[in-house]
């Protein structure tokens, strides 16, 4: 049997005109994604008014979004132009690793951010003593370490599989499931490993987020002032929107795919969380945020 040393990514099988339009659209989105997320990182790091746990975690989310979109989009643009391209097995594993790490880290970070909002609204008098700078940095470092440790284990296990059959992947990047489908080894161990890791990485964080916001809603509804209630809800609405988009696309592709779901729908859902979500996240968090607007005008002296 011939050992597979490279894969062929077919991307989007459309007309040449459609591919040129897609190329232009995605390169513009990629440019804006990098710009907005870098802008958030620069503003949070350079402006003292944004030196708070919430903005620190938002900047960490921007770092993750830059990693994710830079891991996927450049290769996807190459595929769109040439209709199909080859990618070595090593590069494919590296792409899976960065992609999985970014998604896993975002899952953990959204949980940490929900805890931050819980402390800020439910126990505000202890907020500064609990969410200290060192504690926030520690939470971020632990999240990154856990993320990459898990991905190293998964990638190592996948690398031990045999790939000797067809090497064509009908996708625009090396995703986890299409790669397993190309293996001629028994993948049950890998699937079990991923399933066991998915419980603490997806289910438990989701339970924590739901519990945090259930408590936030209860506490907020007890606030007598309507303006104070509105302010409390406004600080959480952006995070809830990002959480909803993240888990909806994640569950739609990996957890509860519809029966007979076509590859086109799967690719569209994949586009949502690999291309559009990294652009939407900074816009949702900062477009209507007066603190960020003020920091922007002060930084660039407009």
C-alpha atoms as a PDB file:
ATOM      1  CA  UNK A   1       0.000   0.000   0.000  1.00  0.00           C
ATOM      2  CA  UNK A   2       1.151   3.531  -0.811  1.00  0.00           C
ATOM      3  CA  UNK A   3       1.681   5.773   2.184  1.00  0.00           C
ATOM      4  CA  UNK A   4       0.006   9.172   1.813  1.00  0.00           C
ATOM      5  CA  UNK A   5       2.497  12.024   2.244  1.00  0.00           C
ATOM      6  CA  UNK A   6       0.213  14.842   1.096  1.00  0.00           C
ATOM      7  CA  UNK A   7      -3.468  15.676   0.772  1.00  0.00           C
ATOM      8  CA  UNK A   8      -5.378  17.451  -1.967  1.00  0.00           C
ATOM      9  CA  UNK A   9      -7.825  20.125  -0.770  1.00  0.00           C
ATOM     10  CA  UNK A  10     -10.560  20.740  -3.326  1.00  0.00           C
ATOM     11  CA  UNK A  11     -12.147  23.779  -1.659  1.00  0.00           C
ATOM     12  CA  UNK A  12     -15.165  25.237  -3.473  1.00  0.00           C
ATOM     13  CA  UNK A  13     -16.071  23.693  -6.813  1.00  0.00           C
ATOM     14  CA  UNK A  14     -17.678  26.676  -8.557  1.00  0.00           C
ATOM     15  CA  UNK A  15     -17.207  28.716 -11.720  1.00  0.00           C
ATOM     16  CA  UNK A  16     -14.122  30.854 -12.263  1.00  0.00           C
ATOM     17  CA  UNK A  17     -16.076  34.100 -11.867  1.00  0.00           C
ATOM     18  CA  UNK A  18     -17.546  32.915  -8.564  1.00  0.00           C
ATOM     19  CA  UNK A  19     -14.099  31.949  -7.321  1.00  0.00           C
ATOM     20  CA  UNK A  20     -12.681  35.388  -8.160  1.00  0.00           C
ATOM     21  CA  UNK A  21     -15.577  37.045  -6.319  1.00  0.00           C
ATOM     22  CA  UNK A  22     -15.022  34.751  -3.332  1.00  0.00           C
ATOM     23  CA  UNK A  23     -11.304  35.502  -3.394  1.00  0.00           C
ATOM     24  CA  UNK A  24     -11.945  39.252  -3.311  1.00  0.00           C
ATOM     25  CA  UNK A  25     -14.557  38.909  -0.547  1.00  0.00           C
ATOM     26  CA  UNK A  26     -12.421  36.720   1.702  1.00  0.00           C
ATOM     27  CA  UNK A  27      -9.235  38.739   1.263  1.00  0.00           C
ATOM     28  CA  UNK A  28     -11.143  41.890   2.283  1.00  0.00           C
ATOM     29  CA  UNK A  29     -12.629  40.072   5.293  1.00  0.00           C
ATOM     30  CA  UNK A  30      -9.184  38.763   6.237  1.00  0.00           C
ATOM     31  CA  UNK A  31      -7.698  42.259   6.050  1.00  0.00           C
ATOM     32  CA  UNK A  32     -10.420  43.762   8.242  1.00  0.00           C
ATOM     33  CA  UNK A  33     -10.191  40.840  10.690  1.00  0.00           C
ATOM     34  CA  UNK A  34      -6.455  41.350  11.221  1.00  0.00           C
ATOM     35  CA  UNK A  35      -6.892  45.134  11.462  1.00  0.00           C
ATOM     36  CA  UNK A  36      -9.737  45.102  14.014  1.00  0.00           C
ATOM     37  CA  UNK A  37      -8.179  42.458  16.235  1.00  0.00           C
ATOM     38  CA  UNK A  38      -4.734  44.076  16.170  1.00  0.00           C
ATOM     39  CA  UNK A  39      -6.400  47.391  16.970  1.00  0.00           C
ATOM     40  CA  UNK A  40      -8.023  45.904  20.072  1.00  0.00           C
ATOM     41  CA  UNK A  41      -4.722  44.392  21.231  1.00  0.00           C
ATOM     42  CA  UNK A  42      -2.918  47.722  20.749  1.00  0.00           C
ATOM     43  CA  UNK A  43      -5.620  49.773  22.486  1.00  0.00           C
ATOM     44  CA  UNK A  44      -5.934  47.421  25.460  1.00  0.00           C
ATOM     45  CA  UNK A  45      -2.174  47.194  25.968  1.00  0.00           C
ATOM     46  CA  UNK A  46      -1.466  50.924  25.581  1.00  0.00           C
ATOM     47  CA  UNK A  47      -4.474  52.608  27.218  1.00  0.00           C
ATOM     48  CA  UNK A  48      -4.730  52.550  31.020  1.00  0.00           C
ATOM     49  CA  UNK A  49      -8.500  53.030  30.954  1.00  0.00           C
ATOM     50  CA  UNK A  50      -8.784  49.589  29.324  1.00  0.00           C
ATOM     51  CA  UNK A  51      -6.545  47.835  31.851  1.00  0.00           C
ATOM     52  CA  UNK A  52      -9.389  45.792  33.326  1.00  0.00           C
ATOM     53  CA  UNK A  53     -10.101  42.035  33.346  1.00  0.00           C
ATOM     54  CA  UNK A  54     -12.867  42.296  30.750  1.00  0.00           C
ATOM     55  CA  UNK A  55     -10.695  44.053  28.156  1.00  0.00           C
ATOM     56  CA  UNK A  56      -7.704  41.856  28.958  1.00  0.00           C
ATOM     57  CA  UNK A  57      -9.778  38.778  28.111  1.00  0.00           C
ATOM     58  CA  UNK A  58     -11.112  40.475  24.960  1.00  0.00           C
ATOM     59  CA  UNK A  59      -7.518  41.076  23.844  1.00  0.00           C
ATOM     60  CA  UNK A  60      -6.765  37.390  24.451  1.00  0.00           C
ATOM     61  CA  UNK A  61      -9.768  36.521  22.284  1.00  0.00           C
ATOM     62  CA  UNK A  62      -8.343  38.787  19.564  1.00  0.00           C
ATOM     63  CA  UNK A  63      -5.027  36.903  19.701  1.00  0.00           C
ATOM     64  CA  UNK A  64      -6.897  33.629  19.294  1.00  0.00           C
ATOM     65  CA  UNK A  65      -8.938  35.028  16.382  1.00  0.00           C
ATOM     66  CA  UNK A  66      -5.785  36.203  14.599  1.00  0.00           C
ATOM     67  CA  UNK A  67      -4.241  32.746  14.979  1.00  0.00           C
ATOM     68  CA  UNK A  68      -7.388  31.052  13.701  1.00  0.00           C
ATOM     69  CA  UNK A  69      -7.986  33.214  10.648  1.00  0.00           C
ATOM     70  CA  UNK A  70      -4.278  33.287   9.710  1.00  0.00           C
ATOM     71  CA  UNK A  71      -4.197  29.501   9.952  1.00  0.00           C
ATOM     72  CA  UNK A  72      -7.164  29.026   7.606  1.00  0.00           C
ATOM     73  CA  UNK A  73      -7.647  31.970   5.234  1.00  0.00           C
ATOM     74  CA  UNK A  74      -4.271  32.254   3.376  1.00  0.00           C
ATOM     75  CA  UNK A  75      -4.388  28.596   2.343  1.00  0.00           C
ATOM     76  CA  UNK A  76      -8.084  28.925   1.484  1.00  0.00           C
ATOM     77  CA  UNK A  77      -7.352  31.894  -0.815  1.00  0.00           C
ATOM     78  CA  UNK A  78      -4.727  29.779  -2.545  1.00  0.00           C
ATOM     79  CA  UNK A  79      -7.253  26.973  -3.027  1.00  0.00           C
ATOM     80  CA  UNK A  80      -9.867  29.380  -4.419  1.00  0.00           C
ATOM     81  CA  UNK A  81      -7.456  30.689  -7.064  1.00  0.00           C
ATOM     82  CA  UNK A  82      -6.175  27.278  -8.176  1.00  0.00           C
ATOM     83  CA  UNK A  83      -9.403  25.277  -7.603  1.00  0.00           C
ATOM     84  CA  UNK A  84      -7.403  22.647  -5.680  1.00  0.00           C
ATOM     85  CA  UNK A  85      -4.005  22.551  -3.971  1.00  0.00           C
ATOM     86  CA  UNK A  86      -1.821  20.000  -2.242  1.00  0.00           C
ATOM     87  CA  UNK A  87      -0.751  20.216   1.372  1.00  0.00           C
ATOM     88  CA  UNK A  88       1.871  18.009   3.000  1.00  0.00           C
ATOM     89  CA  UNK A  89       0.880  15.718   5.837  1.00  0.00           C
ATOM     90  CA  UNK A  90       3.012  17.718   8.278  1.00  0.00           C
ATOM     91  CA  UNK A  91       1.468  21.043   7.235  1.00  0.00           C
ATOM     92  CA  UNK A  92      -1.985  19.494   7.464  1.00  0.00           C
ATOM     93  CA  UNK A  93      -1.337  18.334  11.028  1.00  0.00           C
ATOM     94  CA  UNK A  94       0.019  21.776  11.913  1.00  0.00           C
ATOM     95  CA  UNK A  95      -3.129  23.396  10.531  1.00  0.00           C
ATOM     96  CA  UNK A  96      -5.330  21.035  12.542  1.00  0.00           C
ATOM     97  CA  UNK A  97      -3.301  21.781  15.664  1.00  0.00           C
ATOM     98  CA  UNK A  98      -3.575  25.579  15.392  1.00  0.00           C
ATOM     99  CA  UNK A  99      -7.226  25.382  14.387  1.00  0.00           C
ATOM    100  CA  UNK A 100      -8.113  23.051  17.267  1.00  0.00           C
ATOM    101  CA  UNK A 101      -6.074  25.104  19.733  1.00  0.00           C
ATOM    102  CA  UNK A 102      -7.824  28.336  18.725  1.00  0.00           C
ATOM    103  CA  UNK A 103     -11.284  26.812  19.016  1.00  0.00           C
ATOM    104  CA  UNK A 104     -10.505  25.085  22.317  1.00  0.00           C
ATOM    105  CA  UNK A 105      -8.970  28.226  23.796  1.00  0.00           C
ATOM    106  CA  UNK A 106     -12.000  30.296  22.778  1.00  0.00           C
ATOM    107  CA  UNK A 107     -14.252  27.769  24.502  1.00  0.00           C
ATOM    108  CA  UNK A 108     -12.255  28.071  27.732  1.00  0.00           C
ATOM    109  CA  UNK A 109     -11.891  31.845  27.433  1.00  0.00           C
ATOM    110  CA  UNK A 110     -15.623  32.410  26.966  1.00  0.00           C
ATOM    111  CA  UNK A 111     -16.128  30.455  30.182  1.00  0.00           C
ATOM    112  CA  UNK A 112     -13.601  32.633  32.010  1.00  0.00           C
ATOM    113  CA  UNK A 113     -15.284  35.763  30.638  1.00  0.00           C
ATOM    114  CA  UNK A 114     -18.678  34.590  31.873  1.00  0.00           C
ATOM    115  CA  UNK A 115     -17.150  34.048  35.322  1.00  0.00           C
ATOM    116  CA  UNK A 116     -15.728  37.581  35.170  1.00  0.00           C
ATOM    117  CA  UNK A 117     -19.206  39.008  34.420  1.00  0.00           C
ATOM    118  CA  UNK A 118     -20.687  36.848  37.209  1.00  0.00           C
ATOM    119  CA  UNK A 119     -18.272  38.260  39.783  1.00  0.00           C
ATOM    120  CA  UNK A 120     -18.742  41.836  38.503  1.00  0.00           C
ATOM    121  CA  UNK A 121     -22.547  41.746  38.768  1.00  0.00           C
ATOM    122  CA  UNK A 122     -23.306  39.215  41.500  1.00  0.00           C
ATOM    123  CA  UNK A 123     -20.544  40.053  43.989  1.00  0.00           C
ATOM    124  CA  UNK A 124     -19.332  43.523  42.902  1.00  0.00           C
ATOM    125  CA  UNK A 125     -17.838  44.483  46.281  1.00  0.00           C
ATOM    126  CA  UNK A 126     -15.309  41.648  45.994  1.00  0.00           C
ATOM    127  CA  UNK A 127     -14.640  42.086  42.264  1.00  0.00           C
ATOM    128  CA  UNK A 128     -11.300  43.912  42.544  1.00  0.00           C
ATOM    129  CA  UNK A 129     -10.014  41.526  45.204  1.00  0.00           C
ATOM    130  CA  UNK A 130     -10.971  38.420  43.186  1.00  0.00           C
ATOM    131  CA  UNK A 131     -10.213  39.451  39.595  1.00  0.00           C
ATOM    132  CA  UNK A 132      -6.716  40.765  40.211  1.00  0.00           C
ATOM    133  CA  UNK A 133      -4.249  41.281  37.354  1.00  0.00           C
ATOM    134  CA  UNK A 134      -2.133  38.294  38.369  1.00  0.00           C
ATOM    135  CA  UNK A 135      -5.201  36.075  38.663  1.00  0.00           C
ATOM    136  CA  UNK A 136      -6.421  37.073  35.175  1.00  0.00           C
ATOM    137  CA  UNK A 137      -2.993  36.428  33.650  1.00  0.00           C
ATOM    138  CA  UNK A 138      -2.874  33.062  35.380  1.00  0.00           C
ATOM    139  CA  UNK A 139      -6.303  32.116  33.978  1.00  0.00           C
ATOM    140  CA  UNK A 140      -5.171  33.038  30.468  1.00  0.00           C
ATOM    141  CA  UNK A 141      -1.874  31.141  30.754  1.00  0.00           C
ATOM    142  CA  UNK A 142      -3.590  28.041  32.145  1.00  0.00           C
ATOM    143  CA  UNK A 143      -6.149  28.147  29.311  1.00  0.00           C
ATOM    144  CA  UNK A 144      -3.387  28.331  26.677  1.00  0.00           C
ATOM    145  CA  UNK A 145      -1.367  25.543  28.330  1.00  0.00           C
ATOM    146  CA  UNK A 146      -4.375  23.227  28.653  1.00  0.00           C
ATOM    147  CA  UNK A 147      -5.343  23.964  25.046  1.00  0.00           C
ATOM    148  CA  UNK A 148      -1.984  23.150  23.462  1.00  0.00           C
ATOM    149  CA  UNK A 149      -1.379  20.162  25.749  1.00  0.00           C
ATOM    150  CA  UNK A 150      -4.632  18.586  24.605  1.00  0.00           C
ATOM    151  CA  UNK A 151      -3.927  19.333  20.943  1.00  0.00           C
ATOM    152  CA  UNK A 152      -0.454  17.790  21.168  1.00  0.00           C
ATOM    153  CA  UNK A 153      -2.020  14.581  22.498  1.00  0.00           C
ATOM    154  CA  UNK A 154      -4.663  14.498  19.745  1.00  0.00           C
ATOM    155  CA  UNK A 155      -2.232  15.341  16.919  1.00  0.00           C
ATOM    156  CA  UNK A 156       0.236  12.727  18.149  1.00  0.00           C
ATOM    157  CA  UNK A 157      -2.502  10.084  18.120  1.00  0.00           C
ATOM    158  CA  UNK A 158      -3.641  11.066  14.606  1.00  0.00           C
ATOM    159  CA  UNK A 159      -0.047  11.009  13.347  1.00  0.00           C
ATOM    160  CA  UNK A 160       0.229   7.360  14.402  1.00  0.00           C
ATOM    161  CA  UNK A 161      -2.622   6.387  12.066  1.00  0.00           C
ATOM    162  CA  UNK A 162      -1.961   4.940   8.619  1.00  0.00           C
ATOM    163  CA  UNK A 163      -3.045   6.932   5.558  1.00  0.00           C
ATOM    164  CA  UNK A 164      -2.854   4.786   2.477  1.00  0.00           C
ATOM    165  CA  UNK A 165      -6.111   5.379   0.605  1.00  0.00           C
ATOM    166  CA  UNK A 166      -7.501   8.333  -1.346  1.00  0.00           C
ATOM    167  CA  UNK A 167      -5.820  11.592  -0.351  1.00  0.00           C
ATOM    168  CA  UNK A 168      -8.510  13.979  -1.627  1.00  0.00           C
ATOM    169  CA  UNK A 169     -10.241  16.079   1.065  1.00  0.00           C
ATOM    170  CA  UNK A 170     -13.373  17.875  -0.110  1.00  0.00           C
ATOM    171  CA  UNK A 171     -12.868  20.876   2.155  1.00  0.00           C
ATOM    172  CA  UNK A 172     -11.030  24.203   2.236  1.00  0.00           C
ATOM    173  CA  UNK A 173      -8.827  23.269   5.197  1.00  0.00           C
ATOM    174  CA  UNK A 174      -7.617  20.219   7.085  1.00  0.00           C
ATOM    175  CA  UNK A 175     -10.502  19.570   9.422  1.00  0.00           C
ATOM    176  CA  UNK A 176     -10.548  16.808  11.993  1.00  0.00           C
ATOM    177  CA  UNK A 177     -13.366  14.622  10.635  1.00  0.00           C
ATOM    178  CA  UNK A 178     -12.345  14.623   6.928  1.00  0.00           C
ATOM    179  CA  UNK A 179      -8.814  13.586   7.905  1.00  0.00           C
ATOM    180  CA  UNK A 180     -10.069  10.633   9.957  1.00  0.00           C
ATOM    181  CA  UNK A 181     -12.208   9.567   6.993  1.00  0.00           C
ATOM    182  CA  UNK A 182      -9.053   9.354   4.850  1.00  0.00           C
ATOM    183  CA  UNK A 183      -7.311   7.000   7.281  1.00  0.00           C
ATOM    184  CA  UNK A 184      -7.138   3.275   6.549  1.00  0.00           C
ATOM    185  CA  UNK A 185      -6.524   2.474  10.234  1.00  0.00           C
ATOM    186  CA  UNK A 186      -9.010   1.868  12.992  1.00  0.00           C
ATOM    187  CA  UNK A 187      -9.905   5.374  14.207  1.00  0.00           C
ATOM    188  CA  UNK A 188     -12.080   4.269  17.129  1.00  0.00           C
ATOM    189  CA  UNK A 189      -9.327   5.049  19.646  1.00  0.00           C
ATOM    190  CA  UNK A 190      -8.911   8.572  18.316  1.00  0.00           C
ATOM    191  CA  UNK A 191     -12.671   9.133  18.289  1.00  0.00           C
ATOM    192  CA  UNK A 192     -12.940   7.853  21.867  1.00  0.00           C
ATOM    193  CA  UNK A 193     -10.062  10.106  22.912  1.00  0.00           C
ATOM    194  CA  UNK A 194     -11.712  13.149  21.370  1.00  0.00           C
ATOM    195  CA  UNK A 195     -15.079  12.221  22.885  1.00  0.00           C
ATOM    196  CA  UNK A 196     -13.595  11.910  26.369  1.00  0.00           C
ATOM    197  CA  UNK A 197     -11.810  15.238  26.005  1.00  0.00           C
ATOM    198  CA  UNK A 198     -14.918  16.945  24.613  1.00  0.00           C
ATOM    199  CA  UNK A 199     -16.843  16.505  27.854  1.00  0.00           C
ATOM    200  CA  UNK A 200     -14.564  18.671  30.012  1.00  0.00           C
ATOM    201  CA  UNK A 201     -13.817  21.064  27.132  1.00  0.00           C
ATOM    202  CA  UNK A 202     -17.324  21.685  25.803  1.00  0.00           C
ATOM    203  CA  UNK A 203     -20.018  20.406  28.157  1.00  0.00           C
ATOM    204  CA  UNK A 204     -18.549  21.600  31.471  1.00  0.00           C
ATOM    205  CA  UNK A 205     -17.721  25.136  30.209  1.00  0.00           C
ATOM    206  CA  UNK A 206     -21.213  25.402  28.723  1.00  0.00           C
ATOM    207  CA  UNK A 207     -22.757  24.407  32.076  1.00  0.00           C
ATOM    208  CA  UNK A 208     -20.638  27.037  33.844  1.00  0.00           C
ATOM    209  CA  UNK A 209     -21.712  29.708  31.340  1.00  0.00           C
ATOM    210  CA  UNK A 210     -25.402  28.810  31.716  1.00  0.00           C
ATOM    211  CA  UNK A 211     -25.146  28.795  35.524  1.00  0.00           C
ATOM    212  CA  UNK A 212     -23.290  32.133  35.555  1.00  0.00           C
ATOM    213  CA  UNK A 213     -25.864  33.879  33.407  1.00  0.00           C
ATOM    214  CA  UNK A 214     -28.769  32.318  35.260  1.00  0.00           C
ATOM    215  CA  UNK A 215     -27.415  33.890  38.448  1.00  0.00           C
ATOM    216  CA  UNK A 216     -26.728  37.170  36.632  1.00  0.00           C
ATOM    217  CA  UNK A 217     -30.316  37.352  35.370  1.00  0.00           C
ATOM    218  CA  UNK A 218     -31.726  36.628  38.819  1.00  0.00           C
ATOM    219  CA  UNK A 219     -29.537  39.262  40.495  1.00  0.00           C
ATOM    220  CA  UNK A 220     -30.133  41.841  37.764  1.00  0.00           C
ATOM    221  CA  UNK A 221     -33.932  41.509  37.949  1.00  0.00           C
ATOM    222  CA  UNK A 222     -33.742  42.350  41.651  1.00  0.00           C
ATOM    223  CA  UNK A 223     -32.119  45.726  40.929  1.00  0.00           C
ATOM    224  CA  UNK A 224     -34.765  48.400  41.585  1.00  0.00           C
ATOM    225  CA  UNK A 225     -33.397  50.980  39.143  1.00  0.00           C
ATOM    226  CA  UNK A 226     -34.294  50.337  35.496  1.00  0.00           C
ATOM    227  CA  UNK A 227     -31.211  52.216  34.263  1.00  0.00           C
ATOM    228  CA  UNK A 228     -28.960  50.056  36.450  1.00  0.00           C
ATOM    229  CA  UNK A 229     -30.652  46.908  35.156  1.00  0.00           C
ATOM    230  CA  UNK A 230     -30.154  48.051  31.584  1.00  0.00           C
ATOM    231  CA  UNK A 231     -26.479  48.819  32.250  1.00  0.00           C
ATOM    232  CA  UNK A 232     -25.966  45.380  33.815  1.00  0.00           C
ATOM    233  CA  UNK A 233     -27.604  43.611  30.889  1.00  0.00           C
ATOM    234  CA  UNK A 234     -25.658  45.685  28.337  1.00  0.00           C
ATOM    235  CA  UNK A 235     -22.335  44.545  29.791  1.00  0.00           C
ATOM    236  CA  UNK A 236     -23.352  40.925  29.191  1.00  0.00           C
ATOM    237  CA  UNK A 237     -25.204  41.150  25.858  1.00  0.00           C
ATOM    238  CA  UNK A 238     -22.037  41.229  23.737  1.00  0.00           C
ATOM    239  CA  UNK A 239     -20.602  38.172  25.458  1.00  0.00           C
ATOM    240  CA  UNK A 240     -23.878  36.268  25.169  1.00  0.00           C
ATOM    241  CA  UNK A 241     -24.009  37.043  21.437  1.00  0.00           C
ATOM    242  CA  UNK A 242     -20.469  35.721  20.894  1.00  0.00           C
ATOM    243  CA  UNK A 243     -21.198  32.612  23.003  1.00  0.00           C
ATOM    244  CA  UNK A 244     -24.385  31.904  21.020  1.00  0.00           C
ATOM    245  CA  UNK A 245     -22.615  32.183  17.654  1.00  0.00           C
ATOM    246  CA  UNK A 246     -19.692  30.051  18.822  1.00  0.00           C
ATOM    247  CA  UNK A 247     -21.729  27.171  20.251  1.00  0.00           C
ATOM    248  CA  UNK A 248     -24.348  27.235  17.485  1.00  0.00           C
ATOM    249  CA  UNK A 249     -21.728  26.732  14.763  1.00  0.00           C
ATOM    250  CA  UNK A 250     -19.735  24.264  16.885  1.00  0.00           C
ATOM    251  CA  UNK A 251     -22.755  22.100  17.617  1.00  0.00           C
ATOM    252  CA  UNK A 252     -24.023  22.415  14.039  1.00  0.00           C
ATOM    253  CA  UNK A 253     -20.818  20.993  12.565  1.00  0.00           C
ATOM    254  CA  UNK A 254     -19.448  18.572  15.170  1.00  0.00           C
ATOM    255  CA  UNK A 255     -22.042  17.708  17.796  1.00  0.00           C
ATOM    256  CA  UNK A 256     -25.462  17.607  16.143  1.00  0.00           C
ATOM    257  CA  UNK A 257     -25.012  17.565  12.361  1.00  0.00           C
ATOM    258  CA  UNK A 258     -28.343  17.180  10.602  1.00  0.00           C
ATOM    259  CA  UNK A 259     -29.036  13.872   8.910  1.00  0.00           C
ATOM    260  CA  UNK A 260     -27.921  13.992   5.320  1.00  0.00           C
ATOM    261  CA  UNK A 261     -26.224  17.351   5.820  1.00  0.00           C
ATOM    262  CA  UNK A 262     -24.548  18.242   2.532  1.00  0.00           C
ATOM    263  CA  UNK A 263     -20.906  19.162   2.172  1.00  0.00           C
ATOM    264  CA  UNK A 264     -21.945  22.633   1.023  1.00  0.00           C
ATOM    265  CA  UNK A 265     -23.817  23.307   4.265  1.00  0.00           C
ATOM    266  CA  UNK A 266     -20.901  21.897   6.252  1.00  0.00           C
ATOM    267  CA  UNK A 267     -18.491  24.208   4.430  1.00  0.00           C
ATOM    268  CA  UNK A 268     -20.754  27.222   4.990  1.00  0.00           C
ATOM    269  CA  UNK A 269     -20.942  26.498   8.722  1.00  0.00           C
ATOM    270  CA  UNK A 270     -17.173  26.053   8.761  1.00  0.00           C
ATOM    271  CA  UNK A 271     -16.807  29.443   7.084  1.00  0.00           C
ATOM    272  CA  UNK A 272     -18.857  31.006   9.877  1.00  0.00           C
ATOM    273  CA  UNK A 273     -16.486  30.038  12.682  1.00  0.00           C
ATOM    274  CA  UNK A 274     -13.181  30.151  10.768  1.00  0.00           C
ATOM    275  CA  UNK A 275     -13.628  33.301   8.642  1.00  0.00           C
ATOM    276  CA  UNK A 276     -16.597  35.387   9.758  1.00  0.00           C
ATOM    277  CA  UNK A 277     -16.554  34.884  13.555  1.00  0.00           C
ATOM    278  CA  UNK A 278     -12.998  36.289  13.998  1.00  0.00           C
ATOM    279  CA  UNK A 279     -14.259  39.424  12.228  1.00  0.00           C
ATOM    280  CA  UNK A 280     -17.558  39.617  14.083  1.00  0.00           C
ATOM    281  CA  UNK A 281     -16.092  39.169  17.588  1.00  0.00           C
ATOM    282  CA  UNK A 282     -14.212  42.497  17.811  1.00  0.00           C
ATOM    283  CA  UNK A 283     -17.128  44.322  16.179  1.00  0.00           C
ATOM    284  CA  UNK A 284     -19.654  42.902  18.649  1.00  0.00           C
ATOM    285  CA  UNK A 285     -17.493  43.680  21.670  1.00  0.00           C
ATOM    286  CA  UNK A 286     -16.273  47.128  20.698  1.00  0.00           C
ATOM    287  CA  UNK A 287     -18.511  48.749  18.074  1.00  0.00           C
ATOM    288  CA  UNK A 288     -20.882  50.270  20.657  1.00  0.00           C
ATOM    289  CA  UNK A 289     -18.356  50.412  23.484  1.00  0.00           C
ATOM    290  CA  UNK A 290     -17.746  53.984  24.570  1.00  0.00           C
ATOM    291  CA  UNK A 291     -14.551  53.093  26.457  1.00  0.00           C
ATOM    292  CA  UNK A 292     -13.002  51.585  23.331  1.00  0.00           C
ATOM    293  CA  UNK A 293     -14.098  54.544  21.188  1.00  0.00           C
ATOM    294  CA  UNK A 294     -12.596  56.987  23.673  1.00  0.00           C
ATOM    295  CA  UNK A 295      -9.353  55.005  23.826  1.00  0.00           C
ATOM    296  CA  UNK A 296      -9.217  54.932  20.021  1.00  0.00           C
ATOM    297  CA  UNK A 297      -9.580  58.705  19.679  1.00  0.00           C
ATOM    298  CA  UNK A 298      -7.048  59.321  22.441  1.00  0.00           C
ATOM    299  CA  UNK A 299      -4.520  56.869  21.017  1.00  0.00           C
ATOM    300  CA  UNK A 300      -4.643  58.304  17.504  1.00  0.00           C
ATOM    301  CA  UNK A 301      -5.425  61.825  18.744  1.00  0.00           C
ATOM    302  CA  UNK A 302      -8.450  62.307  16.489  1.00  0.00           C
END
